[in-house]
Amino acid sequence: MKAYSLLLFFHSLFRWLVLSGLVYALWRGIRGWSGRNVFSPTDNKVRHITATLAHVQLVIGYCLYFNSPLVQWFRGHYKEAMRQLPVFFFGLIHILLMTLAIILITVGSAAAKRKTTDVGKFRTMTLWYLAALAVILLAVPWPFSPFARRPLFRTF
């Protein structure tokens, strides 16, 4: 149980790192795209670090997901769980949307890396990362969400 609590702690930490990295990468992307700036080594590092943070978060999230008592109950009682919105949200919707968001970040990072022009790199990174951020914001169990409510900051 101690390992699960440790994973929860790192999950909470990395969610904010991923969001911060994504917002920062978007800011650099929009600024570079609109200003027709050179795609600098710093921009490349931001692109790469954002994708890396997202991948680490995905691994931590999968570890939590497949060891979660709620998800185990969801998988064992699928028909009943489908009628309970919070259980359905965490059992299926959240994991699918977050996986999709990481796929969008990964594809955007790889596509931007392969573009030959600086504007193309900024545009590609910005559009894919923006799509990923939109999916993440949909998949977050906000405190005001009708699907599932969770506090933004957990106390352990």
C-alpha atoms as a PDB file:
ATOM      1  CA  MET A   1       0.000   0.000   0.000  1.00  0.00           C
ATOM      2  CA  LYS A   2       2.943   2.320   0.609  1.00  0.00           C
ATOM      3  CA  ALA A   3       4.014   1.977  -3.046  1.00  0.00           C
ATOM      4  CA  TYR A   4       0.498   2.912  -4.183  1.00  0.00           C
ATOM      5  CA  SER A   5       0.566   6.035  -1.990  1.00  0.00           C
ATOM      6  CA  LEU A   6       3.953   6.947  -3.415  1.00  0.00           C
ATOM      7  CA  LEU A   7       2.587   6.559  -6.946  1.00  0.00           C
ATOM      8  CA  LEU A   8      -0.347   8.813  -6.030  1.00  0.00           C
ATOM      9  CA  PHE A   9       2.094  11.447  -4.801  1.00  0.00           C
ATOM     10  CA  PHE A  10       4.165  11.344  -8.004  1.00  0.00           C
ATOM     11  CA  HIS A  11       1.004  11.307 -10.101  1.00  0.00           C
ATOM     12  CA  SER A  12      -0.170  14.498  -8.385  1.00  0.00           C
ATOM     13  CA  LEU A  13       3.240  16.108  -8.861  1.00  0.00           C
ATOM     14  CA  PHE A  14       3.638  15.125 -12.508  1.00  0.00           C
ATOM     15  CA  ARG A  15       0.137  16.244 -13.490  1.00  0.00           C
ATOM     16  CA  TRP A  16       1.159  19.803 -12.691  1.00  0.00           C
ATOM     17  CA  LEU A  17       4.544  19.384 -14.370  1.00  0.00           C
ATOM     18  CA  VAL A  18       2.868  18.109 -17.534  1.00  0.00           C
ATOM     19  CA  LEU A  19       0.336  20.953 -17.565  1.00  0.00           C
ATOM     20  CA  SER A  20       3.042  23.528 -16.881  1.00  0.00           C
ATOM     21  CA  GLY A  21       5.291  22.099 -19.580  1.00  0.00           C
ATOM     22  CA  LEU A  22       2.425  21.964 -22.057  1.00  0.00           C
ATOM     23  CA  VAL A  23       1.360  25.553 -21.398  1.00  0.00           C
ATOM     24  CA  TYR A  24       4.971  26.744 -21.614  1.00  0.00           C
ATOM     25  CA  ALA A  25       5.537  24.831 -24.864  1.00  0.00           C
ATOM     26  CA  LEU A  26       2.327  26.314 -26.265  1.00  0.00           C
ATOM     27  CA  TRP A  27       3.434  29.808 -25.286  1.00  0.00           C
ATOM     28  CA  ARG A  28       6.810  29.290 -26.984  1.00  0.00           C
ATOM     29  CA  GLY A  29       5.094  27.738 -30.004  1.00  0.00           C
ATOM     30  CA  ILE A  30       2.581  30.543 -30.473  1.00  0.00           C
ATOM     31  CA  ARG A  31       5.261  33.179 -29.934  1.00  0.00           C
ATOM     32  CA  GLY A  32       7.612  31.486 -32.397  1.00  0.00           C
ATOM     33  CA  TRP A  33       4.922  30.794 -34.990  1.00  0.00           C
ATOM     34  CA  SER A  34       3.453  34.305 -34.956  1.00  0.00           C
ATOM     35  CA  GLY A  35       6.834  36.033 -34.765  1.00  0.00           C
ATOM     36  CA  ARG A  36       8.446  33.781 -37.360  1.00  0.00           C
ATOM     37  CA  ASN A  37      11.279  33.114 -34.915  1.00  0.00           C
ATOM     38  CA  VAL A  38      14.075  30.593 -35.254  1.00  0.00           C
ATOM     39  CA  PHE A  39      13.265  27.218 -33.671  1.00  0.00           C
ATOM     40  CA  SER A  40      16.105  27.352 -31.155  1.00  0.00           C
ATOM     41  CA  PRO A  41      17.731  24.525 -29.202  1.00  0.00           C
ATOM     42  CA  THR A  42      15.726  25.774 -26.196  1.00  0.00           C
ATOM     43  CA  ASP A  43      12.479  25.366 -28.146  1.00  0.00           C
ATOM     44  CA  ASN A  44      13.568  21.864 -29.096  1.00  0.00           C
ATOM     45  CA  LYS A  45      14.331  21.032 -25.451  1.00  0.00           C
ATOM     46  CA  VAL A  46      10.949  22.349 -24.347  1.00  0.00           C
ATOM     47  CA  ARG A  47       9.276  20.195 -27.018  1.00  0.00           C
ATOM     48  CA  HIS A  48      11.217  17.129 -25.935  1.00  0.00           C
ATOM     49  CA  ILE A  49      10.884  17.645 -22.158  1.00  0.00           C
ATOM     50  CA  THR A  50       7.132  18.207 -22.468  1.00  0.00           C
ATOM     51  CA  ALA A  51       6.728  14.910 -24.304  1.00  0.00           C
ATOM     52  CA  THR A  52       8.989  13.119 -21.811  1.00  0.00           C
ATOM     53  CA  LEU A  53       7.041  14.435 -18.811  1.00  0.00           C
ATOM     54  CA  ALA A  54       3.825  13.309 -20.475  1.00  0.00           C
ATOM     55  CA  HIS A  55       5.219   9.804 -21.011  1.00  0.00           C
ATOM     56  CA  VAL A  56       6.333   9.514 -17.389  1.00  0.00           C
ATOM     57  CA  GLN A  57       2.881  10.643 -16.273  1.00  0.00           C
ATOM     58  CA  LEU A  58       1.301   8.053 -18.561  1.00  0.00           C
ATOM     59  CA  VAL A  59       3.347   5.225 -17.029  1.00  0.00           C
ATOM     60  CA  ILE A  60       2.511   6.366 -13.492  1.00  0.00           C
ATOM     61  CA  GLY A  61      -1.147   6.724 -14.470  1.00  0.00           C
ATOM     62  CA  TYR A  62      -1.252   3.210 -15.943  1.00  0.00           C
ATOM     63  CA  CYS A  63       0.329   1.778 -12.776  1.00  0.00           C
ATOM     64  CA  LEU A  64      -2.331   3.497 -10.670  1.00  0.00           C
ATOM     65  CA  TYR A  65      -5.127   2.570 -13.060  1.00  0.00           C
ATOM     66  CA  PHE A  66      -4.403  -1.153 -13.170  1.00  0.00           C
ATOM     67  CA  ASN A  67      -3.965  -1.316  -9.373  1.00  0.00           C
ATOM     68  CA  SER A  68      -6.959   0.841  -8.482  1.00  0.00           C
ATOM     69  CA  PRO A  69      -9.677  -0.879  -6.442  1.00  0.00           C
ATOM     70  CA  LEU A  70     -12.286   1.220  -8.255  1.00  0.00           C
ATOM     71  CA  VAL A  71     -11.048   0.076 -11.666  1.00  0.00           C
ATOM     72  CA  GLN A  72     -10.873  -3.538 -10.521  1.00  0.00           C
ATOM     73  CA  TRP A  73     -14.489  -3.268  -9.399  1.00  0.00           C
ATOM     74  CA  PHE A  74     -15.389  -1.599 -12.706  1.00  0.00           C
ATOM     75  CA  ARG A  75     -13.862  -4.448 -14.696  1.00  0.00           C
ATOM     76  CA  GLY A  76     -15.559  -7.066 -12.533  1.00  0.00           C
ATOM     77  CA  HIS A  77     -19.012  -5.442 -12.570  1.00  0.00           C
ATOM     78  CA  TYR A  78     -19.074  -3.773 -15.976  1.00  0.00           C
ATOM     79  CA  LYS A  79     -22.856  -3.663 -16.534  1.00  0.00           C
ATOM     80  CA  GLU A  80     -23.567  -2.180 -13.126  1.00  0.00           C
ATOM     81  CA  ALA A  81     -20.578   0.176 -13.332  1.00  0.00           C
ATOM     82  CA  MET A  82     -21.797   1.578 -16.653  1.00  0.00           C
ATOM     83  CA  ARG A  83     -24.803   3.047 -14.827  1.00  0.00           C
ATOM     84  CA  GLN A  84     -22.680   4.850 -12.243  1.00  0.00           C
ATOM     85  CA  LEU A  85     -21.191   7.926 -13.908  1.00  0.00           C
ATOM     86  CA  PRO A  86     -18.180   8.480 -11.589  1.00  0.00           C
ATOM     87  CA  VAL A  87     -17.174   4.809 -11.821  1.00  0.00           C
ATOM     88  CA  PHE A  88     -17.661   4.827 -15.610  1.00  0.00           C
ATOM     89  CA  PHE A  89     -15.629   8.042 -15.848  1.00  0.00           C
ATOM     90  CA  PHE A  90     -12.617   6.650 -13.971  1.00  0.00           C
ATOM     91  CA  GLY A  91     -13.016   3.117 -15.273  1.00  0.00           C
ATOM     92  CA  LEU A  92     -13.016   4.029 -18.956  1.00  0.00           C
ATOM     93  CA  ILE A  93     -13.392   7.662 -20.049  1.00  0.00           C
ATOM     94  CA  HIS A  94     -10.505   9.182 -18.092  1.00  0.00           C
ATOM     95  CA  ILE A  95      -7.924   6.594 -19.133  1.00  0.00           C
ATOM     96  CA  LEU A  96      -8.968   6.688 -22.800  1.00  0.00           C
ATOM     97  CA  LEU A  97      -8.893  10.476 -23.035  1.00  0.00           C
ATOM     98  CA  MET A  98      -5.591  10.814 -21.188  1.00  0.00           C
ATOM     99  CA  THR A  99      -4.028   8.144 -23.400  1.00  0.00           C
ATOM    100  CA  LEU A 100      -5.315  10.026 -26.449  1.00  0.00           C
ATOM    101  CA  ALA A 101      -3.781  13.255 -25.105  1.00  0.00           C
ATOM    102  CA  ILE A 102      -0.369  11.601 -24.692  1.00  0.00           C
ATOM    103  CA  ILE A 103      -0.645  10.188 -28.214  1.00  0.00           C
ATOM    104  CA  LEU A 104      -1.354  13.706 -29.511  1.00  0.00           C
ATOM    105  CA  ILE A 105       1.672  15.071 -27.638  1.00  0.00           C
ATOM    106  CA  THR A 106       3.872  12.261 -28.952  1.00  0.00           C
ATOM    107  CA  VAL A 107       2.757  12.653 -32.558  1.00  0.00           C
ATOM    108  CA  GLY A 108       3.053  16.440 -32.335  1.00  0.00           C
ATOM    109  CA  SER A 109       6.530  16.248 -30.866  1.00  0.00           C
ATOM    110  CA  ALA A 110       7.729  13.767 -33.491  1.00  0.00           C
ATOM    111  CA  ALA A 111       6.116  15.665 -36.359  1.00  0.00           C
ATOM    112  CA  ALA A 112       7.564  18.997 -35.221  1.00  0.00           C
ATOM    113  CA  LYS A 113      11.001  17.458 -34.921  1.00  0.00           C
ATOM    114  CA  ARG A 114      10.845  16.298 -38.545  1.00  0.00           C
ATOM    115  CA  LYS A 115       9.660  19.576 -40.078  1.00  0.00           C
ATOM    116  CA  THR A 116      12.260  21.371 -42.162  1.00  0.00           C
ATOM    117  CA  THR A 117      11.203  24.987 -41.536  1.00  0.00           C
ATOM    118  CA  ASP A 118      11.144  26.832 -38.241  1.00  0.00           C
ATOM    119  CA  VAL A 119       7.585  28.082 -38.818  1.00  0.00           C
ATOM    120  CA  GLY A 120       6.521  24.525 -39.613  1.00  0.00           C
ATOM    121  CA  LYS A 121       8.063  23.251 -36.375  1.00  0.00           C
ATOM    122  CA  PHE A 122       6.337  25.910 -34.287  1.00  0.00           C
ATOM    123  CA  ARG A 123       2.995  25.487 -36.073  1.00  0.00           C
ATOM    124  CA  THR A 124       3.035  21.695 -35.785  1.00  0.00           C
ATOM    125  CA  MET A 125       4.038  21.709 -32.118  1.00  0.00           C
ATOM    126  CA  THR A 126       1.457  24.368 -31.282  1.00  0.00           C
ATOM    127  CA  LEU A 127      -1.495  22.717 -33.021  1.00  0.00           C
ATOM    128  CA  TRP A 128      -0.831  19.191 -31.722  1.00  0.00           C
ATOM    129  CA  TYR A 129      -0.059  20.370 -28.181  1.00  0.00           C
ATOM    130  CA  LEU A 130      -3.164  22.564 -28.189  1.00  0.00           C
ATOM    131  CA  ALA A 131      -5.298  19.579 -29.204  1.00  0.00           C
ATOM    132  CA  ALA A 132      -3.692  17.541 -26.403  1.00  0.00           C
ATOM    133  CA  LEU A 133      -4.375  20.282 -23.863  1.00  0.00           C
ATOM    134  CA  ALA A 134      -8.032  20.424 -24.922  1.00  0.00           C
ATOM    135  CA  VAL A 135      -8.371  16.661 -24.444  1.00  0.00           C
ATOM    136  CA  ILE A 136      -6.638  16.829 -21.058  1.00  0.00           C
ATOM    137  CA  LEU A 137      -8.964  19.592 -19.886  1.00  0.00           C
ATOM    138  CA  LEU A 138     -11.943  17.443 -20.909  1.00  0.00           C
ATOM    139  CA  ALA A 139     -10.586  14.421 -19.037  1.00  0.00           C
ATOM    140  CA  VAL A 140      -9.764  16.148 -15.742  1.00  0.00           C
ATOM    141  CA  PRO A 141     -12.137  15.285 -12.894  1.00  0.00           C
ATOM    142  CA  TRP A 142     -12.688  18.925 -11.955  1.00  0.00           C
ATOM    143  CA  PRO A 143     -14.220  19.732  -8.547  1.00  0.00           C
ATOM    144  CA  PHE A 144     -17.258  21.133 -10.430  1.00  0.00           C
ATOM    145  CA  SER A 145     -17.530  18.279 -12.947  1.00  0.00           C
ATOM    146  CA  PRO A 146     -20.872  16.511 -13.351  1.00  0.00           C
ATOM    147  CA  PHE A 147     -18.999  13.272 -14.174  1.00  0.00           C
ATOM    148  CA  ALA A 148     -16.616  12.840 -11.252  1.00  0.00           C
ATOM    149  CA  ARG A 149     -15.418  15.272  -8.621  1.00  0.00           C
ATOM    150  CA  ARG A 150     -11.892  15.324  -7.243  1.00  0.00           C
ATOM    151  CA  PRO A 151      -9.965  18.116  -5.511  1.00  0.00           C
ATOM    152  CA  LEU A 152      -7.284  19.834  -7.583  1.00  0.00           C
ATOM    153  CA  PHE A 153      -4.764  19.306  -4.789  1.00  0.00           C
ATOM    154  CA  ARG A 154      -4.918  16.061  -2.855  1.00  0.00           C
ATOM    155  CA  THR A 155      -3.820  15.725   0.742  1.00  0.00           C
ATOM    156  CA  PHE A 156      -2.095  12.483   1.611  1.00  0.00           C
END
